[in-house]
Amino acid sequence: MRYGERTRTGEPLSEFGRRPTVKPPLIVDYLVVAGGGGSGGRWHGGGGGAGGLRSTVTATGGGGALETAPELLLNANYSVSIGGGGSGGPASNTSGTSGSNTSFYSITSTGGGFGAGYSITGGTGGSGGGSGGSASAGSNGFGVRTASPVQGNNGGTNTAGVNGAGAGGGGAGASGQSTSTDYTQVAGNGGNGVSVGITGALVSYGGGGVGGSSLGGTGGSGGGGGSNSNGTANTGGGAGGTTSGGSGGYTGGSGVVILRYPSNYIITIGAGLTADATGTDGAFSYKRITAGSGNVSWS
């Protein structure tokens, strides 16, 4: 049988008499994490909520079911936008701002809710922000996760009163802690994030920020800010609250998009996007996009 002739199945033979290599479908797994919320000002501000986390690999935010990876077309543009972290409350008794959304294709993750100022309810978002301290216990509520599908957890609430410490921001894996009930000014810690293995190694994303307190506290795993700390960049971590020496709040961590696809294909990152070098994990390659807005395509 010569080059150009067909086999019994109708497939053309290659020049060397072998069937051509057939590429697998272009099915793209994703991790899409939004920007984390900023923390409230002064030592009784709430911690920022983590950015919403949506994933087709390992785990998704809020204990939801893994999402379905789409099959995409070759040489078609698919939009990507990386959300920034929210800013901290600029002065005493002010709230931070919520994080910005991150998107890829038709998937959007919702920015984390803001950490609240004094006597204010935590902000809604992918994960909710922590409430601010208050002169009376329970006078302000927790930040609520509002995104659909579920992408995170609620922020904590104030339970102590008497100018109490701020509550923790919600994380992708757990709710933010409420404040102590014993009037010792112990902040609510940030909720933990979740670990995702889309690059071949488990990495944590989406931690909530600790509330403000004269004593300090701990941010959630996955980039949640500790006391006097920003959320970690490209994790969607919520910002941590201030201690008694501070005034303004801190900034949430920026979001990230990670795409995993069969190594037979080549990804092109368009203008306006910042990305790391392509990595490989067996039969798959992955690309981490860390900033900007633009298009990606495959060939």
C-alpha atoms as a PDB file:
ATOM      1  CA  MET A   1       0.000   0.000   0.000  1.00  0.00           C
ATOM      2  CA  ARG A   2       1.414   3.359  -1.037  1.00  0.00           C
ATOM      3  CA  TYR A   3       1.387   6.861   0.485  1.00  0.00           C
ATOM      4  CA  GLY A   4      -1.999   8.505   0.018  1.00  0.00           C
ATOM      5  CA  GLU A   5      -3.911   5.242  -0.214  1.00  0.00           C
ATOM      6  CA  ARG A   6      -6.458   4.471   2.468  1.00  0.00           C
ATOM      7  CA  THR A   7      -6.710   1.639   4.942  1.00  0.00           C
ATOM      8  CA  ARG A   8      -9.801  -0.516   5.275  1.00  0.00           C
ATOM      9  CA  THR A   9     -11.061   1.901   7.928  1.00  0.00           C
ATOM     10  CA  GLY A  10     -10.716   4.821   5.523  1.00  0.00           C
ATOM     11  CA  GLU A  11      -7.801   6.531   7.311  1.00  0.00           C
ATOM     12  CA  PRO A  12      -5.063   7.945   5.053  1.00  0.00           C
ATOM     13  CA  LEU A  13      -1.612   6.462   5.618  1.00  0.00           C
ATOM     14  CA  SER A  14       1.355   8.652   6.423  1.00  0.00           C
ATOM     15  CA  GLU A  15       4.358   8.884   4.123  1.00  0.00           C
ATOM     16  CA  PHE A  16       5.964   5.975   5.996  1.00  0.00           C
ATOM     17  CA  GLY A  17       2.952   3.699   5.853  1.00  0.00           C
ATOM     18  CA  ARG A  18       1.737   4.371   9.406  1.00  0.00           C
ATOM     19  CA  ARG A  19      -1.553   5.820  10.511  1.00  0.00           C
ATOM     20  CA  PRO A  20      -1.223   9.498  11.523  1.00  0.00           C
ATOM     21  CA  THR A  21      -1.108  10.399  15.214  1.00  0.00           C
ATOM     22  CA  VAL A  22      -4.533  11.443  16.470  1.00  0.00           C
ATOM     23  CA  LYS A  23      -4.499  14.157  19.129  1.00  0.00           C
ATOM     24  CA  PRO A  24      -6.745  13.772  22.169  1.00  0.00           C
ATOM     25  CA  PRO A  25      -9.651  16.210  22.528  1.00  0.00           C
ATOM     26  CA  LEU A  26      -8.683  19.674  23.781  1.00  0.00           C
ATOM     27  CA  ILE A  27     -10.249  19.320  27.227  1.00  0.00           C
ATOM     28  CA  VAL A  28      -8.999  22.049  29.562  1.00  0.00           C
ATOM     29  CA  ASP A  29      -9.033  21.739  33.348  1.00  0.00           C
ATOM     30  CA  TYR A  30      -9.049  24.993  35.260  1.00  0.00           C
ATOM     31  CA  LEU A  31      -8.503  26.643  38.613  1.00  0.00           C
ATOM     32  CA  VAL A  32     -10.086  30.101  38.757  1.00  0.00           C
ATOM     33  CA  VAL A  33      -9.519  32.116  41.954  1.00  0.00           C
ATOM     34  CA  ALA A  34     -10.805  35.649  42.512  1.00  0.00           C
ATOM     35  CA  GLY A  35      -9.119  38.453  44.454  1.00  0.00           C
ATOM     36  CA  GLY A  36      -9.405  38.436  48.247  1.00  0.00           C
ATOM     37  CA  GLY A  37     -11.147  41.124  50.283  1.00  0.00           C
ATOM     38  CA  GLY A  38      -9.370  43.920  52.153  1.00  0.00           C
ATOM     39  CA  SER A  39      -9.500  44.101  55.949  1.00  0.00           C
ATOM     40  CA  GLY A  40     -11.259  46.669  58.085  1.00  0.00           C
ATOM     41  CA  GLY A  41      -9.365  49.524  59.704  1.00  0.00           C
ATOM     42  CA  ARG A  42      -7.951  49.629  63.225  1.00  0.00           C
ATOM     43  CA  TRP A  43      -7.640  46.719  65.622  1.00  0.00           C
ATOM     44  CA  HIS A  44     -11.322  45.789  65.670  1.00  0.00           C
ATOM     45  CA  GLY A  45     -11.743  45.550  61.886  1.00  0.00           C
ATOM     46  CA  GLY A  46     -12.786  42.242  60.351  1.00  0.00           C
ATOM     47  CA  GLY A  47     -10.505  40.072  58.219  1.00  0.00           C
ATOM     48  CA  GLY A  48     -11.005  39.973  54.447  1.00  0.00           C
ATOM     49  CA  GLY A  49     -12.837  37.049  52.864  1.00  0.00           C
ATOM     50  CA  ALA A  50     -11.037  34.840  50.354  1.00  0.00           C
ATOM     51  CA  GLY A  51     -11.754  35.164  46.672  1.00  0.00           C
ATOM     52  CA  GLY A  52     -14.155  32.606  45.254  1.00  0.00           C
ATOM     53  CA  LEU A  53     -12.498  29.385  44.077  1.00  0.00           C
ATOM     54  CA  ARG A  54     -13.786  27.231  41.208  1.00  0.00           C
ATOM     55  CA  SER A  55     -11.922  24.129  40.028  1.00  0.00           C
ATOM     56  CA  THR A  56     -12.215  20.944  37.981  1.00  0.00           C
ATOM     57  CA  VAL A  57      -9.331  19.267  39.840  1.00  0.00           C
ATOM     58  CA  THR A  58      -8.991  17.967  43.452  1.00  0.00           C
ATOM     59  CA  ALA A  59     -11.383  20.355  45.224  1.00  0.00           C
ATOM     60  CA  THR A  60     -13.502  23.418  44.671  1.00  0.00           C
ATOM     61  CA  GLY A  61     -14.480  26.148  47.117  1.00  0.00           C
ATOM     62  CA  GLY A  62     -17.143  25.746  49.775  1.00  0.00           C
ATOM     63  CA  GLY A  63     -17.216  21.948  49.582  1.00  0.00           C
ATOM     64  CA  GLY A  64     -19.066  21.974  46.280  1.00  0.00           C
ATOM     65  CA  ALA A  65     -18.827  19.324  43.565  1.00  0.00           C
ATOM     66  CA  LEU A  66     -15.929  19.492  41.117  1.00  0.00           C
ATOM     67  CA  GLU A  67     -16.838  21.339  37.957  1.00  0.00           C
ATOM     68  CA  THR A  68     -16.740  19.875  34.444  1.00  0.00           C
ATOM     69  CA  ALA A  69     -13.768  20.709  32.238  1.00  0.00           C
ATOM     70  CA  PRO A  70     -14.869  22.156  28.870  1.00  0.00           C
ATOM     71  CA  GLU A  71     -13.800  20.853  25.469  1.00  0.00           C
ATOM     72  CA  LEU A  72     -12.466  23.860  23.554  1.00  0.00           C
ATOM     73  CA  LEU A  73     -11.766  24.626  19.899  1.00  0.00           C
ATOM     74  CA  LEU A  74      -8.376  25.085  18.278  1.00  0.00           C
ATOM     75  CA  ASN A  75      -7.304  28.567  17.176  1.00  0.00           C
ATOM     76  CA  ALA A  76     -10.186  30.222  19.016  1.00  0.00           C
ATOM     77  CA  ASN A  77      -9.769  33.030  21.545  1.00  0.00           C
ATOM     78  CA  TYR A  78     -10.924  32.505  25.121  1.00  0.00           C
ATOM     79  CA  SER A  79     -10.941  35.450  27.512  1.00  0.00           C
ATOM     80  CA  VAL A  80      -9.087  35.551  30.839  1.00  0.00           C
ATOM     81  CA  SER A  81      -9.191  38.296  33.491  1.00  0.00           C
ATOM     82  CA  ILE A  82      -7.347  38.204  36.824  1.00  0.00           C
ATOM     83  CA  GLY A  83      -9.025  39.977  39.754  1.00  0.00           C
ATOM     84  CA  GLY A  84      -7.096  42.183  42.153  1.00  0.00           C
ATOM     85  CA  GLY A  85      -7.345  42.152  45.925  1.00  0.00           C
ATOM     86  CA  GLY A  86      -9.537  44.653  47.731  1.00  0.00           C
ATOM     87  CA  SER A  87      -7.960  47.550  49.587  1.00  0.00           C
ATOM     88  CA  GLY A  88      -7.947  47.909  53.366  1.00  0.00           C
ATOM     89  CA  GLY A  89     -10.086  50.337  55.314  1.00  0.00           C
ATOM     90  CA  PRO A  90      -8.210  53.657  55.059  1.00  0.00           C
ATOM     91  CA  ALA A  91      -8.573  54.705  58.696  1.00  0.00           C
ATOM     92  CA  SER A  92      -9.964  53.698  62.060  1.00  0.00           C
ATOM     93  CA  ASN A  93     -13.474  52.236  62.030  1.00  0.00           C
ATOM     94  CA  THR A  94     -13.724  51.954  58.232  1.00  0.00           C
ATOM     95  CA  SER A  95     -14.383  48.850  56.146  1.00  0.00           C
ATOM     96  CA  GLY A  96     -12.131  47.486  53.442  1.00  0.00           C
ATOM     97  CA  THR A  97     -13.289  46.878  49.875  1.00  0.00           C
ATOM     98  CA  SER A  98     -14.200  43.567  48.269  1.00  0.00           C
ATOM     99  CA  GLY A  99     -11.869  41.752  45.888  1.00  0.00           C
ATOM    100  CA  SER A 100     -12.443  41.734  42.131  1.00  0.00           C
ATOM    101  CA  ASN A 101     -13.779  38.827  40.064  1.00  0.00           C
ATOM    102  CA  THR A 102     -11.519  36.478  38.088  1.00  0.00           C
ATOM    103  CA  SER A 103     -12.763  34.794  34.920  1.00  0.00           C
ATOM    104  CA  PHE A 104     -11.828  32.303  32.206  1.00  0.00           C
ATOM    105  CA  TYR A 105     -14.079  31.403  29.269  1.00  0.00           C
ATOM    106  CA  SER A 106     -17.607  31.222  30.799  1.00  0.00           C
ATOM    107  CA  ILE A 107     -16.354  30.643  34.374  1.00  0.00           C
ATOM    108  CA  THR A 108     -16.376  33.548  36.835  1.00  0.00           C
ATOM    109  CA  SER A 109     -15.193  33.417  40.449  1.00  0.00           C
ATOM    110  CA  THR A 110     -16.519  36.141  42.740  1.00  0.00           C
ATOM    111  CA  GLY A 111     -14.241  38.476  44.700  1.00  0.00           C
ATOM    112  CA  GLY A 112     -13.906  37.990  48.458  1.00  0.00           C
ATOM    113  CA  GLY A 113     -16.068  40.061  50.780  1.00  0.00           C
ATOM    114  CA  PHE A 114     -14.599  43.046  52.617  1.00  0.00           C
ATOM    115  CA  GLY A 115     -13.544  42.943  56.242  1.00  0.00           C
ATOM    116  CA  ALA A 116     -15.882  45.241  58.154  1.00  0.00           C
ATOM    117  CA  GLY A 117     -15.196  48.331  60.213  1.00  0.00           C
ATOM    118  CA  TYR A 118     -16.422  48.923  63.750  1.00  0.00           C
ATOM    119  CA  SER A 119     -20.034  47.744  64.282  1.00  0.00           C
ATOM    120  CA  ILE A 120     -20.450  46.821  60.609  1.00  0.00           C
ATOM    121  CA  THR A 121     -21.438  43.510  59.027  1.00  0.00           C
ATOM    122  CA  GLY A 122     -18.778  41.743  56.961  1.00  0.00           C
ATOM    123  CA  GLY A 123     -19.047  42.008  53.192  1.00  0.00           C
ATOM    124  CA  THR A 124     -20.610  39.372  50.943  1.00  0.00           C
ATOM    125  CA  GLY A 125     -18.591  37.606  48.249  1.00  0.00           C
ATOM    126  CA  GLY A 126     -17.036  34.339  47.102  1.00  0.00           C
ATOM    127  CA  SER A 127     -16.177  33.935  50.795  1.00  0.00           C
ATOM    128  CA  GLY A 128     -17.622  36.436  53.262  1.00  0.00           C
ATOM    129  CA  GLY A 129     -15.585  39.036  55.130  1.00  0.00           C
ATOM    130  CA  GLY A 130     -15.387  39.065  58.913  1.00  0.00           C
ATOM    131  CA  SER A 131     -17.555  41.408  60.952  1.00  0.00           C
ATOM    132  CA  GLY A 132     -16.056  44.279  62.909  1.00  0.00           C
ATOM    133  CA  GLY A 133     -15.824  44.455  66.688  1.00  0.00           C
ATOM    134  CA  SER A 134     -18.599  46.244  68.515  1.00  0.00           C
ATOM    135  CA  ALA A 135     -19.689  47.642  71.847  1.00  0.00           C
ATOM    136  CA  SER A 136     -22.328  44.936  72.181  1.00  0.00           C
ATOM    137  CA  ALA A 137     -22.080  41.270  71.326  1.00  0.00           C
ATOM    138  CA  GLY A 138     -23.878  40.136  68.191  1.00  0.00           C
ATOM    139  CA  SER A 139     -24.769  43.650  67.056  1.00  0.00           C
ATOM    140  CA  ASN A 140     -23.371  42.988  63.589  1.00  0.00           C
ATOM    141  CA  GLY A 141     -23.569  39.919  61.411  1.00  0.00           C
ATOM    142  CA  PHE A 142     -21.153  37.729  59.490  1.00  0.00           C
ATOM    143  CA  GLY A 143     -20.095  38.137  55.900  1.00  0.00           C
ATOM    144  CA  VAL A 144     -22.049  35.771  53.651  1.00  0.00           C
ATOM    145  CA  ARG A 145     -20.829  33.716  50.714  1.00  0.00           C
ATOM    146  CA  THR A 146     -23.192  34.677  47.930  1.00  0.00           C
ATOM    147  CA  ALA A 147     -21.640  33.316  44.727  1.00  0.00           C
ATOM    148  CA  SER A 148     -23.319  30.599  42.666  1.00  0.00           C
ATOM    149  CA  PRO A 149     -22.172  27.891  42.295  1.00  0.00           C
ATOM    150  CA  VAL A 150     -20.779  27.810  45.824  1.00  0.00           C
ATOM    151  CA  GLN A 151     -17.161  29.030  45.910  1.00  0.00           C
ATOM    152  CA  GLY A 152     -16.287  29.580  49.569  1.00  0.00           C
ATOM    153  CA  ASN A 153     -17.554  30.011  53.133  1.00  0.00           C
ATOM    154  CA  ASN A 154     -19.009  32.622  55.457  1.00  0.00           C
ATOM    155  CA  GLY A 155     -17.024  35.115  57.484  1.00  0.00           C
ATOM    156  CA  GLY A 156     -17.158  35.150  61.272  1.00  0.00           C
ATOM    157  CA  THR A 157     -19.273  37.387  63.490  1.00  0.00           C
ATOM    158  CA  ASN A 158     -18.764  39.461  66.623  1.00  0.00           C
ATOM    159  CA  THR A 159     -19.677  37.654  69.855  1.00  0.00           C
ATOM    160  CA  ALA A 160     -17.630  39.485  72.482  1.00  0.00           C
ATOM    161  CA  GLY A 161     -18.622  43.146  72.454  1.00  0.00           C
ATOM    162  CA  VAL A 162     -16.981  45.875  74.543  1.00  0.00           C
ATOM    163  CA  ASN A 163     -15.019  47.236  71.562  1.00  0.00           C
ATOM    164  CA  GLY A 164     -14.171  43.614  70.779  1.00  0.00           C
ATOM    165  CA  ALA A 165     -11.761  42.317  68.214  1.00  0.00           C
ATOM    166  CA  GLY A 166     -12.726  41.691  64.585  1.00  0.00           C
ATOM    167  CA  ALA A 167     -13.885  38.343  63.212  1.00  0.00           C
ATOM    168  CA  GLY A 168     -12.028  36.245  60.644  1.00  0.00           C
ATOM    169  CA  GLY A 169     -12.746  36.226  56.935  1.00  0.00           C
ATOM    170  CA  GLY A 170     -14.159  33.092  55.350  1.00  0.00           C
ATOM    171  CA  GLY A 171     -11.898  30.755  53.376  1.00  0.00           C
ATOM    172  CA  ALA A 172     -12.491  28.428  50.451  1.00  0.00           C
ATOM    173  CA  GLY A 173     -12.290  25.441  52.829  1.00  0.00           C
ATOM    174  CA  ALA A 174     -13.752  26.723  56.123  1.00  0.00           C
ATOM    175  CA  SER A 175     -15.715  29.591  57.627  1.00  0.00           C
ATOM    176  CA  GLY A 176     -13.953  32.454  59.372  1.00  0.00           C
ATOM    177  CA  GLN A 177     -13.871  32.198  63.152  1.00  0.00           C
ATOM    178  CA  SER A 178     -16.067  34.407  65.271  1.00  0.00           C
ATOM    179  CA  THR A 179     -14.519  36.452  68.050  1.00  0.00           C
ATOM    180  CA  SER A 180     -13.910  35.149  71.543  1.00  0.00           C
ATOM    181  CA  THR A 181     -16.734  35.402  74.075  1.00  0.00           C
ATOM    182  CA  ASP A 182     -14.488  36.080  77.079  1.00  0.00           C
ATOM    183  CA  TYR A 183     -13.696  39.759  76.372  1.00  0.00           C
ATOM    184  CA  THR A 184      -9.966  39.095  76.032  1.00  0.00           C
ATOM    185  CA  GLN A 185      -9.772  40.848  72.627  1.00  0.00           C
ATOM    186  CA  VAL A 186      -8.880  37.631  70.810  1.00  0.00           C
ATOM    187  CA  ALA A 187      -9.525  37.967  67.097  1.00  0.00           C
ATOM    188  CA  GLY A 188     -11.327  35.410  64.968  1.00  0.00           C
ATOM    189  CA  ASN A 189      -8.807  33.534  62.804  1.00  0.00           C
ATOM    190  CA  GLY A 190      -9.256  33.342  59.053  1.00  0.00           C
ATOM    191  CA  GLY A 191     -10.897  30.288  57.518  1.00  0.00           C
ATOM    192  CA  ASN A 192      -8.579  27.811  55.811  1.00  0.00           C
ATOM    193  CA  GLY A 193      -8.342  27.492  52.061  1.00  0.00           C
ATOM    194  CA  VAL A 194      -8.270  24.302  49.987  1.00  0.00           C
ATOM    195  CA  SER A 195      -5.393  22.423  48.340  1.00  0.00           C
ATOM    196  CA  VAL A 196      -5.573  21.890  44.574  1.00  0.00           C
ATOM    197  CA  GLY A 197      -3.246  19.643  42.546  1.00  0.00           C
ATOM    198  CA  ILE A 198      -3.712  21.098  39.063  1.00  0.00           C
ATOM    199  CA  THR A 199       0.073  21.559  38.625  1.00  0.00           C
ATOM    200  CA  GLY A 200       0.862  18.060  39.870  1.00  0.00           C
ATOM    201  CA  ALA A 201       1.639  19.222  43.409  1.00  0.00           C
ATOM    202  CA  LEU A 202      -0.930  20.193  46.026  1.00  0.00           C
ATOM    203  CA  VAL A 203      -0.951  23.951  46.615  1.00  0.00           C
ATOM    204  CA  SER A 204      -3.316  25.821  48.952  1.00  0.00           C
ATOM    205  CA  TYR A 205      -5.451  28.740  47.774  1.00  0.00           C
ATOM    206  CA  GLY A 206      -8.252  30.859  49.178  1.00  0.00           C
ATOM    207  CA  GLY A 207      -7.428  31.459  52.840  1.00  0.00           C
ATOM    208  CA  GLY A 208      -9.391  34.030  54.865  1.00  0.00           C
ATOM    209  CA  GLY A 209      -7.738  36.899  56.730  1.00  0.00           C
ATOM    210  CA  VAL A 210      -7.561  37.126  60.527  1.00  0.00           C
ATOM    211  CA  GLY A 211      -9.606  39.813  62.259  1.00  0.00           C
ATOM    212  CA  GLY A 212      -8.036  42.850  63.875  1.00  0.00           C
ATOM    213  CA  SER A 213      -7.060  42.560  67.518  1.00  0.00           C
ATOM    214  CA  SER A 214      -4.786  44.005  70.180  1.00  0.00           C
ATOM    215  CA  LEU A 215      -3.404  40.447  70.531  1.00  0.00           C
ATOM    216  CA  GLY A 216      -3.130  39.345  66.895  1.00  0.00           C
ATOM    217  CA  GLY A 217      -4.076  36.022  65.314  1.00  0.00           C
ATOM    218  CA  THR A 218      -3.663  33.676  62.359  1.00  0.00           C
ATOM    219  CA  GLY A 219      -4.717  33.853  58.729  1.00  0.00           C
ATOM    220  CA  GLY A 220      -6.150  30.795  57.003  1.00  0.00           C
ATOM    221  CA  SER A 221      -3.968  28.405  55.014  1.00  0.00           C
ATOM    222  CA  GLY A 222      -3.848  29.289  51.341  1.00  0.00           C
ATOM    223  CA  GLY A 223      -2.660  32.878  51.530  1.00  0.00           C
ATOM    224  CA  GLY A 224      -4.905  34.373  54.210  1.00  0.00           C
ATOM    225  CA  GLY A 225      -3.246  37.377  55.835  1.00  0.00           C
ATOM    226  CA  GLY A 226      -2.101  37.207  59.452  1.00  0.00           C
ATOM    227  CA  SER A 227      -2.082  40.263  61.688  1.00  0.00           C
ATOM    228  CA  ASN A 228      -0.821  43.389  59.894  1.00  0.00           C
ATOM    229  CA  SER A 229      -0.442  41.447  56.633  1.00  0.00           C
ATOM    230  CA  ASN A 230      -1.759  41.528  53.095  1.00  0.00           C
ATOM    231  CA  GLY A 231      -3.258  38.415  51.557  1.00  0.00           C
ATOM    232  CA  THR A 232      -0.704  36.492  49.485  1.00  0.00           C
ATOM    233  CA  ALA A 233      -0.602  37.420  45.797  1.00  0.00           C
ATOM    234  CA  ASN A 234      -2.107  34.924  43.320  1.00  0.00           C
ATOM    235  CA  THR A 235      -3.859  32.898  46.015  1.00  0.00           C
ATOM    236  CA  GLY A 236      -6.997  34.989  46.502  1.00  0.00           C
ATOM    237  CA  GLY A 237      -6.183  35.219  50.226  1.00  0.00           C
ATOM    238  CA  GLY A 238      -8.139  37.710  52.344  1.00  0.00           C
ATOM    239  CA  ALA A 239      -6.242  40.482  54.119  1.00  0.00           C
ATOM    240  CA  GLY A 240      -5.372  40.308  57.805  1.00  0.00           C
ATOM    241  CA  GLY A 241      -6.526  42.875  60.348  1.00  0.00           C
ATOM    242  CA  THR A 242      -4.384  45.314  62.289  1.00  0.00           C
ATOM    243  CA  THR A 243      -3.139  45.088  65.851  1.00  0.00           C
ATOM    244  CA  SER A 244      -3.555  47.891  68.410  1.00  0.00           C
ATOM    245  CA  GLY A 245      -0.688  49.924  66.942  1.00  0.00           C
ATOM    246  CA  GLY A 246      -2.269  50.164  63.485  1.00  0.00           C
ATOM    247  CA  SER A 247      -4.974  52.285  61.933  1.00  0.00           C
ATOM    248  CA  GLY A 248      -5.733  51.380  58.315  1.00  0.00           C
ATOM    249  CA  GLY A 249      -6.422  47.860  57.041  1.00  0.00           C
ATOM    250  CA  TYR A 250      -4.507  45.690  54.571  1.00  0.00           C
ATOM    251  CA  THR A 251      -4.933  44.522  50.969  1.00  0.00           C
ATOM    252  CA  GLY A 252      -6.318  41.196  49.775  1.00  0.00           C
ATOM    253  CA  GLY A 253      -4.263  38.857  47.591  1.00  0.00           C
ATOM    254  CA  SER A 254      -4.772  38.903  43.836  1.00  0.00           C
ATOM    255  CA  GLY A 255      -6.409  36.009  42.026  1.00  0.00           C
ATOM    256  CA  VAL A 256      -5.025  33.478  39.564  1.00  0.00           C
ATOM    257  CA  VAL A 257      -6.038  31.238  36.656  1.00  0.00           C
ATOM    258  CA  ILE A 258      -4.263  27.917  36.049  1.00  0.00           C
ATOM    259  CA  LEU A 259      -5.086  25.927  32.915  1.00  0.00           C
ATOM    260  CA  ARG A 260      -4.160  22.269  32.356  1.00  0.00           C
ATOM    261  CA  TYR A 261      -4.424  20.669  28.909  1.00  0.00           C
ATOM    262  CA  PRO A 262      -2.966  17.745  26.873  1.00  0.00           C
ATOM    263  CA  SER A 263       0.715  18.299  26.069  1.00  0.00           C
ATOM    264  CA  ASN A 264       0.035  17.668  22.359  1.00  0.00           C
ATOM    265  CA  TYR A 265      -1.246  21.249  22.152  1.00  0.00           C
ATOM    266  CA  ILE A 266       0.522  24.613  22.350  1.00  0.00           C
ATOM    267  CA  ILE A 267      -1.023  27.477  24.296  1.00  0.00           C
ATOM    268  CA  THR A 268      -0.660  31.109  23.195  1.00  0.00           C
ATOM    269  CA  ILE A 269      -0.980  33.878  25.794  1.00  0.00           C
ATOM    270  CA  GLY A 270      -2.353  37.076  24.283  1.00  0.00           C
ATOM    271  CA  ALA A 271      -1.393  40.686  24.908  1.00  0.00           C
ATOM    272  CA  GLY A 272      -2.457  42.087  28.268  1.00  0.00           C
ATOM    273  CA  LEU A 273      -1.855  38.901  30.247  1.00  0.00           C
ATOM    274  CA  THR A 274       1.099  37.946  32.451  1.00  0.00           C
ATOM    275  CA  ALA A 275       1.905  34.235  32.736  1.00  0.00           C
ATOM    276  CA  ASP A 276       4.602  31.930  34.073  1.00  0.00           C
ATOM    277  CA  ALA A 277       6.568  29.486  31.937  1.00  0.00           C
ATOM    278  CA  THR A 278       4.630  26.416  30.848  1.00  0.00           C
ATOM    279  CA  GLY A 279       5.015  23.408  33.152  1.00  0.00           C
ATOM    280  CA  THR A 280       4.393  19.728  32.469  1.00  0.00           C
ATOM    281  CA  ASP A 281       2.891  16.920  34.520  1.00  0.00           C
ATOM    282  CA  GLY A 282       3.025  13.643  32.626  1.00  0.00           C
ATOM    283  CA  ALA A 283       0.751  13.805  29.592  1.00  0.00           C
ATOM    284  CA  PHE A 284      -0.447  17.291  30.510  1.00  0.00           C
ATOM    285  CA  SER A 285       0.925  20.808  30.397  1.00  0.00           C
ATOM    286  CA  TYR A 286      -0.260  23.706  32.509  1.00  0.00           C
ATOM    287  CA  LYS A 287       0.003  27.481  32.412  1.00  0.00           C
ATOM    288  CA  ARG A 288      -0.369  29.849  35.383  1.00  0.00           C
ATOM    289  CA  ILE A 289      -1.767  33.289  34.516  1.00  0.00           C
ATOM    290  CA  THR A 290      -1.079  35.822  37.236  1.00  0.00           C
ATOM    291  CA  ALA A 291      -2.242  39.259  36.072  1.00  0.00           C
ATOM    292  CA  GLY A 292      -4.078  41.254  33.438  1.00  0.00           C
ATOM    293  CA  SER A 293      -6.890  40.746  30.945  1.00  0.00           C
ATOM    294  CA  GLY A 294      -6.693  39.258  27.462  1.00  0.00           C
ATOM    295  CA  ASN A 295      -7.160  36.090  25.439  1.00  0.00           C
ATOM    296  CA  VAL A 296      -5.640  32.610  25.314  1.00  0.00           C
ATOM    297  CA  SER A 297      -5.779  30.108  22.453  1.00  0.00           C
ATOM    298  CA  TRP A 298      -4.417  26.678  21.551  1.00  0.00           C
ATOM    299  CA  SER A 299      -2.936  25.204  18.395  1.00  0.00           C
END
